[in-house]
Amino acid sequence: MNKRTFVISELMQNNFIEETEQKVLLEETEESGKSLLKVQLPNAQKIFCIKNVDKKHTDMYFFKADQKYSMMKRVDHIILEHTEDDTWNLHLIEMKSSVGVQKWIEVKGKFRASYLVSQAIAAMLEIPLDHTYLYTTYEKECFDTCSETMPVERRVRTGNIPPKREWESGRVELNFGEKIPFDHEKVQMTRNTDGLKGNVQMK
């Protein structure tokens, strides 16, 4: 048994990380945003998936607990993908029913915290992360529905990209003392009687 296998099977909680196939089903089970996303990773040789991250113990108590830092929240799913060209990709997936200014700020906080948590987990497993990709699933965009009585939602700090423009750009900047850009894909879902459903093929 190699070190990676030993850490996963003997030192981590049961089913914390699952080794899975090139097609993965990811679920959001909360009634308010019940979703099912079919993920395809056609170039994967090996895939480790942490599903429903927010329901697992990933607390890092040296992070600041202040709400403004958003370090206590995680994305819904984390995928570590080993590809055919011998690189490791990190995929962070957050599932929402709708996204507007405030939700987008919240999602970015989850991306930042989850990126750091993922780096820590990858280091434990001796996985060198080469590329990171961010994904947000959604049904509706609400960036243009701000009330005229709430102009604060339209204010943007100097040097920051307006939320709607960033959401549409395919790139997200996360603040780690310096702004680091990441590729971001928004994945629109369709609603049926069982909730939201969608598909994505990862890079």
N, C-alpha and C. Protein backbone atom coordinates (compact mmCIF):
# COMPACT_ATOMS: atom_id res chain seq x y z
N MET A 1 0.85 -1.19 0.00
CA MET A 1 0.00 0.00 0.00
C MET A 1 0.89 1.25 0.00
N ASN A 2 0.70 2.13 -1.02
CA ASN A 2 1.52 3.33 -1.07
C ASN A 2 0.98 4.38 -0.09
N LYS A 3 1.74 5.47 0.06
CA LYS A 3 1.39 6.48 1.06
C LYS A 3 0.03 7.09 0.78
N ARG A 4 -0.26 7.42 -0.49
CA ARG A 4 -1.53 8.06 -0.83
C ARG A 4 -2.71 7.17 -0.45
N THR A 5 -2.62 5.90 -0.82
CA THR A 5 -3.69 4.96 -0.51
C THR A 5 -3.84 4.80 1.00
N PHE A 6 -2.72 4.76 1.70
CA PHE A 6 -2.76 4.59 3.15
C PHE A 6 -3.44 5.80 3.82
N VAL A 7 -3.08 7.00 3.40
CA VAL A 7 -3.67 8.20 4.00
C VAL A 7 -5.18 8.22 3.78
N ILE A 8 -5.60 7.89 2.55
CA ILE A 8 -7.04 7.92 2.24
C ILE A 8 -7.80 6.84 3.00
N SER A 9 -7.27 5.62 3.00
CA SER A 9 -8.02 4.49 3.55
C SER A 9 -7.89 4.34 5.06
N GLU A 10 -6.73 4.76 5.61
CA GLU A 10 -6.48 4.51 7.03
C GLU A 10 -6.56 5.75 7.91
N LEU A 11 -6.27 6.92 7.36
CA LEU A 11 -6.16 8.12 8.19
C LEU A 11 -7.31 9.11 7.99
N MET A 12 -8.00 9.03 6.86
CA MET A 12 -9.12 9.93 6.62
C MET A 12 -10.44 9.23 6.94
N GLN A 13 -11.48 10.02 7.18
CA GLN A 13 -12.79 9.46 7.44
C GLN A 13 -13.25 8.60 6.26
N ASN A 14 -14.03 7.57 6.56
CA ASN A 14 -14.54 6.70 5.50
C ASN A 14 -15.33 7.50 4.47
N ASN A 15 -15.04 7.25 3.21
CA ASN A 15 -15.72 7.89 2.09
C ASN A 15 -15.52 9.40 2.01
N PHE A 16 -14.50 9.91 2.69
CA PHE A 16 -14.20 11.33 2.56
C PHE A 16 -13.78 11.64 1.12
N ILE A 17 -12.89 10.82 0.60
CA ILE A 17 -12.47 10.93 -0.80
C ILE A 17 -12.83 9.64 -1.50
N GLU A 18 -13.47 9.74 -2.66
CA GLU A 18 -13.81 8.56 -3.46
C GLU A 18 -13.01 8.56 -4.75
N GLU A 19 -12.47 7.40 -5.10
CA GLU A 19 -11.88 7.27 -6.44
C GLU A 19 -13.01 6.87 -7.37
N THR A 20 -13.14 7.57 -8.49
CA THR A 20 -14.32 7.39 -9.33
C THR A 20 -13.95 7.31 -10.80
N GLU A 21 -14.98 7.19 -11.65
CA GLU A 21 -14.80 7.00 -13.08
C GLU A 21 -14.81 8.35 -13.81
N GLN A 22 -14.69 8.29 -15.16
CA GLN A 22 -14.64 9.51 -15.96
C GLN A 22 -15.98 10.23 -16.01
N LYS A 23 -17.04 9.57 -15.61
CA LYS A 23 -18.34 10.21 -15.51
C LYS A 23 -18.77 10.22 -14.05
N VAL A 24 -19.06 11.40 -13.53
CA VAL A 24 -19.37 11.56 -12.12
C VAL A 24 -20.73 12.25 -11.98
N LEU A 25 -21.55 11.79 -11.05
CA LEU A 25 -22.82 12.44 -10.74
C LEU A 25 -22.65 13.22 -9.43
N LEU A 26 -22.91 14.52 -9.50
CA LEU A 26 -22.81 15.37 -8.31
C LEU A 26 -24.19 15.90 -7.96
N GLU A 27 -24.52 15.87 -6.68
CA GLU A 27 -25.86 16.26 -6.24
C GLU A 27 -25.80 17.37 -5.21
N GLU A 28 -26.78 18.26 -5.29
CA GLU A 28 -27.10 19.19 -4.21
C GLU A 28 -28.46 18.75 -3.70
N THR A 29 -28.51 18.38 -2.43
CA THR A 29 -29.73 17.76 -1.92
C THR A 29 -30.64 18.72 -1.15
N GLU A 30 -30.18 19.94 -0.90
CA GLU A 30 -31.03 20.90 -0.21
C GLU A 30 -32.27 21.20 -1.07
N GLU A 31 -33.43 21.19 -0.45
CA GLU A 31 -34.68 21.37 -1.19
C GLU A 31 -34.73 22.69 -1.94
N SER A 32 -34.11 23.73 -1.37
CA SER A 32 -34.17 25.06 -2.00
C SER A 32 -33.39 25.11 -3.31
N GLY A 33 -32.44 24.21 -3.48
CA GLY A 33 -31.64 24.24 -4.71
C GLY A 33 -31.26 22.85 -5.18
N LYS A 34 -32.18 21.90 -5.06
CA LYS A 34 -31.91 20.52 -5.40
C LYS A 34 -31.41 20.40 -6.84
N SER A 35 -30.22 19.81 -7.02
CA SER A 35 -29.59 19.80 -8.34
C SER A 35 -28.87 18.48 -8.58
N LEU A 36 -28.77 18.12 -9.86
CA LEU A 36 -28.01 16.94 -10.28
C LEU A 36 -27.17 17.33 -11.49
N LEU A 37 -25.85 17.22 -11.35
CA LEU A 37 -24.92 17.59 -12.42
C LEU A 37 -24.15 16.37 -12.88
N LYS A 38 -24.22 16.09 -14.19
CA LYS A 38 -23.43 15.00 -14.78
C LYS A 38 -22.12 15.59 -15.29
N VAL A 39 -21.02 15.10 -14.75
CA VAL A 39 -19.69 15.61 -15.08
C VAL A 39 -18.93 14.57 -15.88
N GLN A 40 -18.33 15.01 -16.98
CA GLN A 40 -17.48 14.13 -17.78
C GLN A 40 -16.06 14.66 -17.78
N LEU A 41 -15.10 13.76 -17.55
CA LEU A 41 -13.69 14.10 -17.57
C LEU A 41 -13.00 13.15 -18.53
N PRO A 42 -13.09 13.41 -19.83
CA PRO A 42 -12.65 12.44 -20.84
C PRO A 42 -11.15 12.18 -20.85
N ASN A 43 -10.35 13.09 -20.30
CA ASN A 43 -8.89 12.92 -20.32
C ASN A 43 -8.33 12.35 -19.03
N ALA A 44 -9.21 11.93 -18.14
CA ALA A 44 -8.76 11.51 -16.81
C ALA A 44 -8.21 10.09 -16.82
N GLN A 45 -7.09 9.91 -16.11
CA GLN A 45 -6.55 8.59 -15.82
C GLN A 45 -6.98 8.13 -14.42
N LYS A 46 -7.06 9.10 -13.52
CA LYS A 46 -7.47 8.82 -12.15
C LYS A 46 -8.23 10.03 -11.63
N ILE A 47 -9.30 9.79 -10.87
CA ILE A 47 -10.11 10.88 -10.33
C ILE A 47 -10.37 10.62 -8.86
N PHE A 48 -10.06 11.61 -8.04
CA PHE A 48 -10.46 11.60 -6.64
C PHE A 48 -11.51 12.68 -6.45
N CYS A 49 -12.62 12.32 -5.85
CA CYS A 49 -13.74 13.26 -5.71
C CYS A 49 -14.14 13.38 -4.24
N ILE A 50 -14.30 14.62 -3.79
CA ILE A 50 -14.85 14.89 -2.46
C ILE A 50 -16.23 15.50 -2.69
N LYS A 51 -17.26 14.67 -2.54
CA LYS A 51 -18.62 15.13 -2.79
C LYS A 51 -19.20 15.74 -1.51
N ASN A 52 -20.09 16.72 -1.72
CA ASN A 52 -20.79 17.34 -0.60
C ASN A 52 -19.80 17.79 0.49
N VAL A 53 -18.82 18.57 0.04
CA VAL A 53 -17.75 19.01 0.93
C VAL A 53 -18.30 19.75 2.15
N ASP A 54 -19.35 20.53 1.92
CA ASP A 54 -19.90 21.34 3.01
C ASP A 54 -20.53 20.50 4.11
N LYS A 55 -20.73 19.20 3.88
CA LYS A 55 -21.30 18.31 4.90
C LYS A 55 -20.22 17.48 5.59
N LYS A 56 -18.94 17.72 5.23
CA LYS A 56 -17.84 16.95 5.81
C LYS A 56 -16.97 17.88 6.66
N HIS A 57 -16.15 17.29 7.50
CA HIS A 57 -15.36 18.07 8.45
C HIS A 57 -14.09 18.58 7.77
N THR A 58 -14.16 19.79 7.24
CA THR A 58 -12.97 20.41 6.63
C THR A 58 -12.61 21.69 7.36
N ASP A 59 -13.04 21.80 8.62
CA ASP A 59 -12.74 23.01 9.39
C ASP A 59 -11.24 23.13 9.62
N MET A 60 -10.74 24.33 9.41
CA MET A 60 -9.34 24.63 9.70
C MET A 60 -9.36 25.80 10.67
N TYR A 61 -9.15 25.51 11.93
CA TYR A 61 -9.42 26.49 12.97
C TYR A 61 -8.39 27.60 13.06
N PHE A 62 -7.35 27.52 12.23
CA PHE A 62 -6.41 28.65 12.18
C PHE A 62 -6.87 29.70 11.17
N PHE A 63 -7.91 29.41 10.37
CA PHE A 63 -8.51 30.44 9.53
C PHE A 63 -9.32 31.40 10.41
N LYS A 64 -9.38 32.67 10.01
CA LYS A 64 -10.20 33.63 10.74
C LYS A 64 -11.68 33.27 10.57
N ALA A 65 -12.40 33.37 11.67
CA ALA A 65 -13.82 33.00 11.64
C ALA A 65 -14.72 34.16 11.24
N ASP A 66 -14.18 35.37 11.15
CA ASP A 66 -14.99 36.54 10.79
C ASP A 66 -15.71 36.30 9.48
N GLN A 67 -16.97 36.62 9.42
CA GLN A 67 -17.78 36.36 8.23
C GLN A 67 -17.23 37.05 6.99
N LYS A 68 -16.61 38.22 7.17
CA LYS A 68 -16.13 38.98 6.00
C LYS A 68 -15.05 38.25 5.23
N TYR A 69 -14.35 37.30 5.90
CA TYR A 69 -13.29 36.57 5.20
C TYR A 69 -13.80 35.33 4.49
N SER A 70 -14.98 34.86 4.84
CA SER A 70 -15.63 33.70 4.20
C SER A 70 -14.74 32.46 4.22
N MET A 71 -13.97 32.27 5.27
CA MET A 71 -13.05 31.14 5.31
C MET A 71 -13.65 29.89 5.92
N MET A 72 -14.87 29.98 6.45
CA MET A 72 -15.50 28.82 7.08
C MET A 72 -16.44 28.07 6.13
N LYS A 73 -16.61 28.59 4.91
CA LYS A 73 -17.54 27.96 3.97
C LYS A 73 -16.77 27.29 2.83
N ARG A 74 -17.34 26.23 2.30
CA ARG A 74 -16.69 25.47 1.23
C ARG A 74 -17.63 25.37 0.02
N VAL A 75 -17.05 25.05 -1.13
CA VAL A 75 -17.87 24.75 -2.31
C VAL A 75 -18.55 23.40 -2.08
N ASP A 76 -19.44 23.04 -2.98
CA ASP A 76 -20.18 21.78 -2.81
C ASP A 76 -19.34 20.55 -3.13
N HIS A 77 -18.47 20.65 -4.15
CA HIS A 77 -17.74 19.46 -4.59
C HIS A 77 -16.33 19.83 -5.03
N ILE A 78 -15.39 18.93 -4.76
CA ILE A 78 -14.00 19.09 -5.17
C ILE A 78 -13.58 17.84 -5.94
N ILE A 79 -12.96 18.05 -7.10
CA ILE A 79 -12.45 16.93 -7.89
C ILE A 79 -10.97 17.14 -8.15
N LEU A 80 -10.17 16.10 -7.89
CA LEU A 80 -8.75 16.07 -8.24
C LEU A 80 -8.60 15.10 -9.41
N GLU A 81 -8.14 15.60 -10.54
CA GLU A 81 -8.11 14.81 -11.79
C GLU A 81 -6.68 14.65 -12.29
N HIS A 82 -6.26 13.40 -12.43
CA HIS A 82 -4.96 13.09 -13.04
C HIS A 82 -5.19 12.78 -14.51
N THR A 83 -4.62 13.58 -15.41
CA THR A 83 -4.94 13.46 -16.83
C THR A 83 -3.92 12.61 -17.59
N GLU A 84 -4.24 12.38 -18.85
CA GLU A 84 -3.40 11.56 -19.72
C GLU A 84 -2.01 12.15 -19.92
N ASP A 85 -1.90 13.49 -19.86
CA ASP A 85 -0.59 14.11 -20.06
C ASP A 85 0.15 14.31 -18.73
N ASP A 86 -0.25 13.54 -17.70
CA ASP A 86 0.45 13.48 -16.43
C ASP A 86 0.43 14.79 -15.66
N THR A 87 -0.70 15.49 -15.74
CA THR A 87 -0.88 16.68 -14.90
C THR A 87 -2.06 16.43 -13.96
N TRP A 88 -2.10 17.19 -12.88
CA TRP A 88 -3.20 17.11 -11.93
C TRP A 88 -3.99 18.40 -12.00
N ASN A 89 -5.28 18.28 -12.24
CA ASN A 89 -6.18 19.43 -12.28
C ASN A 89 -7.09 19.42 -11.06
N LEU A 90 -7.33 20.62 -10.54
CA LEU A 90 -8.27 20.79 -9.44
C LEU A 90 -9.53 21.44 -9.99
N HIS A 91 -10.70 20.84 -9.71
CA HIS A 91 -11.98 21.39 -10.14
C HIS A 91 -12.82 21.68 -8.89
N LEU A 92 -13.24 22.93 -8.74
CA LEU A 92 -14.08 23.34 -7.62
C LEU A 92 -15.47 23.68 -8.15
N ILE A 93 -16.50 23.03 -7.62
CA ILE A 93 -17.86 23.17 -8.15
C ILE A 93 -18.80 23.67 -7.06
N GLU A 94 -19.45 24.79 -7.32
CA GLU A 94 -20.47 25.32 -6.41
C GLU A 94 -21.81 25.30 -7.14
N MET A 95 -22.85 24.84 -6.45
CA MET A 95 -24.17 24.68 -7.06
C MET A 95 -25.15 25.67 -6.44
N LYS A 96 -25.77 26.50 -7.29
CA LYS A 96 -26.74 27.50 -6.86
C LYS A 96 -27.98 27.42 -7.74
N SER A 97 -29.11 27.88 -7.18
CA SER A 97 -30.31 27.97 -8.03
C SER A 97 -30.32 29.30 -8.77
N SER A 98 -29.82 30.37 -8.11
CA SER A 98 -29.73 31.67 -8.76
C SER A 98 -28.46 32.37 -8.29
N VAL A 99 -27.95 33.26 -9.13
CA VAL A 99 -26.73 34.00 -8.79
C VAL A 99 -26.95 35.47 -9.10
N GLY A 100 -26.74 36.30 -8.09
CA GLY A 100 -26.75 37.75 -8.22
C GLY A 100 -25.53 38.32 -7.53
N VAL A 101 -25.55 39.61 -7.24
CA VAL A 101 -24.36 40.26 -6.68
C VAL A 101 -23.94 39.63 -5.36
N GLN A 102 -24.86 39.56 -4.40
CA GLN A 102 -24.49 39.04 -3.08
C GLN A 102 -24.12 37.56 -3.13
N LYS A 103 -24.85 36.77 -3.91
CA LYS A 103 -24.54 35.34 -4.04
C LYS A 103 -23.16 35.16 -4.68
N TRP A 104 -22.84 36.00 -5.65
CA TRP A 104 -21.55 35.88 -6.32
C TRP A 104 -20.40 36.18 -5.37
N ILE A 105 -20.59 37.18 -4.51
CA ILE A 105 -19.57 37.48 -3.49
C ILE A 105 -19.39 36.27 -2.57
N GLU A 106 -20.49 35.65 -2.20
CA GLU A 106 -20.45 34.46 -1.34
C GLU A 106 -19.74 33.30 -2.04
N VAL A 107 -20.05 33.10 -3.32
CA VAL A 107 -19.43 32.01 -4.08
C VAL A 107 -17.92 32.22 -4.17
N LYS A 108 -17.50 33.44 -4.44
CA LYS A 108 -16.06 33.72 -4.53
C LYS A 108 -15.35 33.44 -3.21
N GLY A 109 -16.01 33.74 -2.09
CA GLY A 109 -15.44 33.41 -0.79
C GLY A 109 -15.27 31.91 -0.62
N LYS A 110 -16.27 31.16 -1.07
CA LYS A 110 -16.18 29.70 -0.99
C LYS A 110 -15.06 29.17 -1.89
N PHE A 111 -14.91 29.75 -3.07
CA PHE A 111 -13.82 29.33 -3.97
C PHE A 111 -12.47 29.54 -3.30
N ARG A 112 -12.28 30.71 -2.69
CA ARG A 112 -10.98 31.02 -2.09
C ARG A 112 -10.65 30.05 -0.95
N ALA A 113 -11.60 29.86 -0.03
CA ALA A 113 -11.36 28.95 1.09
C ALA A 113 -11.14 27.52 0.60
N SER A 114 -11.94 27.09 -0.37
CA SER A 114 -11.85 25.71 -0.86
C SER A 114 -10.56 25.47 -1.63
N TYR A 115 -10.06 26.50 -2.31
CA TYR A 115 -8.77 26.38 -3.00
C TYR A 115 -7.66 26.10 -1.99
N LEU A 116 -7.66 26.81 -0.87
CA LEU A 116 -6.63 26.59 0.14
C LEU A 116 -6.79 25.22 0.80
N VAL A 117 -8.03 24.84 1.11
CA VAL A 117 -8.28 23.52 1.68
C VAL A 117 -7.83 22.43 0.72
N SER A 118 -8.11 22.60 -0.56
CA SER A 118 -7.72 21.61 -1.57
C SER A 118 -6.21 21.48 -1.68
N GLN A 119 -5.51 22.61 -1.59
CA GLN A 119 -4.05 22.56 -1.62
C GLN A 119 -3.51 21.77 -0.44
N ALA A 120 -4.13 21.94 0.73
CA ALA A 120 -3.70 21.20 1.92
C ALA A 120 -3.92 19.69 1.73
N ILE A 121 -5.10 19.33 1.22
CA ILE A 121 -5.41 17.91 0.99
C ILE A 121 -4.47 17.33 -0.06
N ALA A 122 -4.23 18.07 -1.13
CA ALA A 122 -3.33 17.59 -2.19
C ALA A 122 -1.92 17.38 -1.66
N ALA A 123 -1.47 18.27 -0.77
CA ALA A 123 -0.14 18.12 -0.19
C ALA A 123 -0.06 16.85 0.66
N MET A 124 -1.11 16.54 1.41
CA MET A 124 -1.14 15.31 2.21
C MET A 124 -1.01 14.08 1.32
N LEU A 125 -1.62 14.17 0.13
CA LEU A 125 -1.64 13.02 -0.79
C LEU A 125 -0.49 13.07 -1.79
N GLU A 126 0.40 14.05 -1.62
CA GLU A 126 1.54 14.24 -2.53
C GLU A 126 1.08 14.36 -3.97
N ILE A 127 0.05 15.19 -4.17
CA ILE A 127 -0.49 15.47 -5.49
C ILE A 127 -0.08 16.89 -5.88
N PRO A 128 0.73 17.06 -6.92
CA PRO A 128 1.11 18.40 -7.37
C PRO A 128 0.02 18.99 -8.27
N LEU A 129 -0.62 20.05 -7.84
CA LEU A 129 -1.72 20.64 -8.61
C LEU A 129 -1.15 21.56 -9.69
N ASP A 130 -1.50 21.27 -10.95
CA ASP A 130 -1.00 22.06 -12.07
C ASP A 130 -1.96 23.17 -12.48
N HIS A 131 -3.25 22.86 -12.55
CA HIS A 131 -4.25 23.84 -13.01
C HIS A 131 -5.48 23.76 -12.11
N THR A 132 -6.13 24.90 -11.94
CA THR A 132 -7.36 24.97 -11.15
C THR A 132 -8.46 25.57 -11.99
N TYR A 133 -9.64 24.94 -11.97
CA TYR A 133 -10.80 25.41 -12.72
C TYR A 133 -11.98 25.54 -11.77
N LEU A 134 -12.75 26.61 -11.94
CA LEU A 134 -13.90 26.89 -11.09
C LEU A 134 -15.19 26.78 -11.90
N TYR A 135 -16.24 26.28 -11.25
CA TYR A 135 -17.53 26.09 -11.92
C TYR A 135 -18.65 26.52 -10.97
N THR A 136 -19.64 27.20 -11.53
CA THR A 136 -20.85 27.53 -10.77
C THR A 136 -22.05 27.08 -11.58
N THR A 137 -22.87 26.20 -11.02
CA THR A 137 -24.12 25.83 -11.68
C THR A 137 -25.23 26.75 -11.19
N TYR A 138 -26.19 27.01 -12.07
CA TYR A 138 -27.26 27.96 -11.72
C TYR A 138 -28.44 27.76 -12.68
N GLU A 139 -29.59 28.25 -12.27
CA GLU A 139 -30.75 28.31 -13.16
C GLU A 139 -30.97 29.73 -13.66
N LYS A 140 -30.87 30.70 -12.75
CA LYS A 140 -31.19 32.09 -13.11
C LYS A 140 -30.06 33.02 -12.72
N GLU A 141 -29.86 34.06 -13.54
CA GLU A 141 -28.97 35.17 -13.22
C GLU A 141 -29.82 36.33 -12.72
N CYS A 142 -29.37 36.97 -11.64
CA CYS A 142 -30.15 38.06 -11.04
C CYS A 142 -29.33 39.34 -10.89
N PHE A 143 -28.33 39.52 -11.70
CA PHE A 143 -27.46 40.69 -11.56
C PHE A 143 -28.18 41.99 -11.93
N ASP A 144 -29.17 41.91 -12.80
CA ASP A 144 -29.85 43.12 -13.27
C ASP A 144 -31.14 43.41 -12.54
N THR A 145 -31.38 42.75 -11.41
CA THR A 145 -32.65 42.94 -10.69
C THR A 145 -32.46 43.69 -9.39
N CYS A 146 -31.32 44.40 -9.24
CA CYS A 146 -31.09 45.19 -8.03
C CYS A 146 -32.15 46.29 -7.92
N SER A 147 -32.62 46.48 -6.72
CA SER A 147 -33.61 47.53 -6.49
C SER A 147 -32.97 48.90 -6.57
N GLU A 148 -33.71 49.88 -7.10
CA GLU A 148 -33.22 51.25 -7.14
C GLU A 148 -33.05 51.81 -5.73
N THR A 149 -33.71 51.19 -4.75
CA THR A 149 -33.58 51.66 -3.37
C THR A 149 -32.37 51.06 -2.68
N MET A 150 -31.61 50.19 -3.38
CA MET A 150 -30.43 49.56 -2.80
C MET A 150 -29.22 49.80 -3.69
N PRO A 151 -28.81 51.05 -3.89
CA PRO A 151 -27.69 51.34 -4.78
C PRO A 151 -26.37 50.77 -4.30
N VAL A 152 -26.29 50.39 -3.01
CA VAL A 152 -25.05 49.83 -2.48
C VAL A 152 -24.63 48.59 -3.25
N GLU A 153 -25.61 47.84 -3.77
CA GLU A 153 -25.29 46.62 -4.51
C GLU A 153 -24.60 46.91 -5.83
N ARG A 154 -24.70 48.18 -6.30
CA ARG A 154 -24.09 48.50 -7.59
C ARG A 154 -22.70 49.13 -7.43
N ARG A 155 -22.31 49.41 -6.17
CA ARG A 155 -21.02 50.03 -5.95
C ARG A 155 -19.91 49.01 -6.10
N VAL A 156 -18.79 49.41 -6.68
CA VAL A 156 -17.65 48.53 -6.85
C VAL A 156 -16.43 49.24 -6.31
N ARG A 157 -15.67 48.57 -5.44
CA ARG A 157 -14.47 49.17 -4.91
C ARG A 157 -13.46 49.42 -6.03
N THR A 158 -12.67 50.47 -5.87
CA THR A 158 -11.67 50.80 -6.87
C THR A 158 -10.75 49.60 -7.11
N GLY A 159 -10.54 49.27 -8.37
CA GLY A 159 -9.66 48.16 -8.73
C GLY A 159 -10.36 46.83 -8.84
N ASN A 160 -11.63 46.74 -8.42
CA ASN A 160 -12.38 45.49 -8.51
C ASN A 160 -13.19 45.44 -9.81
N ILE A 161 -13.37 44.24 -10.33
CA ILE A 161 -14.18 44.05 -11.53
C ILE A 161 -15.65 44.02 -11.11
N PRO A 162 -16.53 44.74 -11.80
CA PRO A 162 -17.96 44.66 -11.47
C PRO A 162 -18.44 43.21 -11.50
N PRO A 163 -19.25 42.80 -10.53
CA PRO A 163 -19.65 41.39 -10.42
C PRO A 163 -20.23 40.80 -11.70
N LYS A 164 -21.14 41.52 -12.34
CA LYS A 164 -21.76 40.97 -13.55
C LYS A 164 -20.74 40.76 -14.65
N ARG A 165 -19.84 41.73 -14.83
CA ARG A 165 -18.82 41.59 -15.88
C ARG A 165 -17.89 40.41 -15.58
N GLU A 166 -17.52 40.24 -14.31
CA GLU A 166 -16.67 39.11 -13.94
C GLU A 166 -17.39 37.79 -14.17
N TRP A 167 -18.66 37.72 -13.78
CA TRP A 167 -19.46 36.52 -13.96
C TRP A 167 -19.52 36.11 -15.43
N GLU A 168 -19.60 37.08 -16.31
CA GLU A 168 -19.73 36.80 -17.74
C GLU A 168 -18.39 36.59 -18.45
N SER A 169 -17.29 36.91 -17.78
CA SER A 169 -15.98 36.96 -18.45
C SER A 169 -15.30 35.61 -18.63
N GLY A 170 -15.67 34.63 -17.79
CA GLY A 170 -14.96 33.35 -17.84
C GLY A 170 -13.68 33.33 -17.02
N ARG A 171 -13.41 34.42 -16.29
CA ARG A 171 -12.24 34.52 -15.42
C ARG A 171 -12.68 35.09 -14.08
N VAL A 172 -12.12 34.56 -13.01
CA VAL A 172 -12.43 35.02 -11.67
C VAL A 172 -11.13 35.37 -10.96
N GLU A 173 -11.11 36.55 -10.32
CA GLU A 173 -9.95 36.93 -9.53
C GLU A 173 -10.25 36.69 -8.05
N LEU A 174 -9.36 35.93 -7.40
CA LEU A 174 -9.47 35.69 -5.96
C LEU A 174 -8.31 36.38 -5.26
N ASN A 175 -8.59 36.96 -4.11
CA ASN A 175 -7.61 37.77 -3.40
C ASN A 175 -6.85 36.93 -2.37
N PHE A 176 -5.55 36.75 -2.62
CA PHE A 176 -4.65 36.08 -1.68
C PHE A 176 -3.53 37.03 -1.26
N GLY A 177 -3.86 38.31 -1.13
CA GLY A 177 -2.85 39.32 -0.92
C GLY A 177 -2.44 39.92 -2.25
N GLU A 178 -2.54 39.12 -3.29
CA GLU A 178 -2.48 39.54 -4.69
C GLU A 178 -3.65 38.89 -5.39
N LYS A 179 -4.13 39.52 -6.44
CA LYS A 179 -5.27 38.98 -7.18
C LYS A 179 -4.76 37.90 -8.13
N ILE A 180 -5.26 36.68 -7.97
CA ILE A 180 -4.87 35.56 -8.82
C ILE A 180 -6.07 35.17 -9.67
N PRO A 181 -5.92 35.15 -11.01
CA PRO A 181 -7.05 34.81 -11.88
C PRO A 181 -7.18 33.30 -12.08
N PHE A 182 -8.41 32.85 -12.18
CA PHE A 182 -8.73 31.44 -12.44
C PHE A 182 -9.76 31.37 -13.56
N ASP A 183 -9.70 30.30 -14.36
CA ASP A 183 -10.75 30.06 -15.34
C ASP A 183 -12.03 29.67 -14.60
N HIS A 184 -13.15 30.25 -15.04
CA HIS A 184 -14.44 29.96 -14.41
C HIS A 184 -15.47 29.67 -15.49
N GLU A 185 -16.23 28.60 -15.28
CA GLU A 185 -17.30 28.25 -16.21
C GLU A 185 -18.64 28.28 -15.48
N LYS A 186 -19.58 29.04 -16.02
CA LYS A 186 -20.93 29.02 -15.46
C LYS A 186 -21.72 27.97 -16.24
N VAL A 187 -22.42 27.12 -15.52
CA VAL A 187 -23.13 25.98 -16.11
C VAL A 187 -24.62 26.16 -15.83
N GLN A 188 -25.37 26.50 -16.86
CA GLN A 188 -26.80 26.72 -16.66
C GLN A 188 -27.54 25.39 -16.60
N MET A 189 -28.41 25.28 -15.62
CA MET A 189 -29.17 24.06 -15.39
C MET A 189 -30.60 24.25 -15.88
N THR A 190 -31.29 23.16 -16.11
CA THR A 190 -32.70 23.22 -16.48
C THR A 190 -33.53 22.56 -15.38
N ARG A 191 -34.72 23.08 -15.17
CA ARG A 191 -35.56 22.60 -14.08
C ARG A 191 -36.61 21.62 -14.59
N ASN A 192 -36.78 20.53 -13.83
CA ASN A 192 -37.90 19.61 -14.07
C ASN A 192 -38.53 19.29 -12.72
N THR A 193 -39.38 18.29 -12.67
CA THR A 193 -40.10 17.99 -11.43
C THR A 193 -39.18 17.53 -10.31
N ASP A 194 -37.98 17.05 -10.65
CA ASP A 194 -37.05 16.56 -9.64
C ASP A 194 -36.05 17.60 -9.18
N GLY A 195 -36.10 18.79 -9.80
CA GLY A 195 -35.13 19.82 -9.45
C GLY A 195 -34.35 20.27 -10.68
N LEU A 196 -33.11 20.72 -10.45
CA LEU A 196 -32.27 21.21 -11.54
C LEU A 196 -31.35 20.12 -12.04
N LYS A 197 -31.18 20.09 -13.37
CA LYS A 197 -30.29 19.10 -13.97
C LYS A 197 -29.40 19.77 -15.00
N GLY A 198 -28.18 19.25 -15.15
CA GLY A 198 -27.26 19.82 -16.14
C GLY A 198 -26.11 18.88 -16.42
N ASN A 199 -25.30 19.27 -17.41
CA ASN A 199 -24.15 18.48 -17.85
C ASN A 199 -22.97 19.42 -18.05
N VAL A 200 -21.77 18.92 -17.79
CA VAL A 200 -20.57 19.69 -18.10
C VAL A 200 -19.44 18.72 -18.43
N GLN A 201 -18.66 19.07 -19.45
CA GLN A 201 -17.44 18.34 -19.77
C GLN A 201 -16.26 19.20 -19.33
N MET A 202 -15.49 18.68 -18.43
CA MET A 202 -14.42 19.48 -17.84
C MET A 202 -13.19 19.48 -18.71
N LYS A 203 -12.44 20.57 -18.60
CA LYS A 203 -11.27 20.78 -19.44
C LYS A 203 -10.18 19.77 -19.14
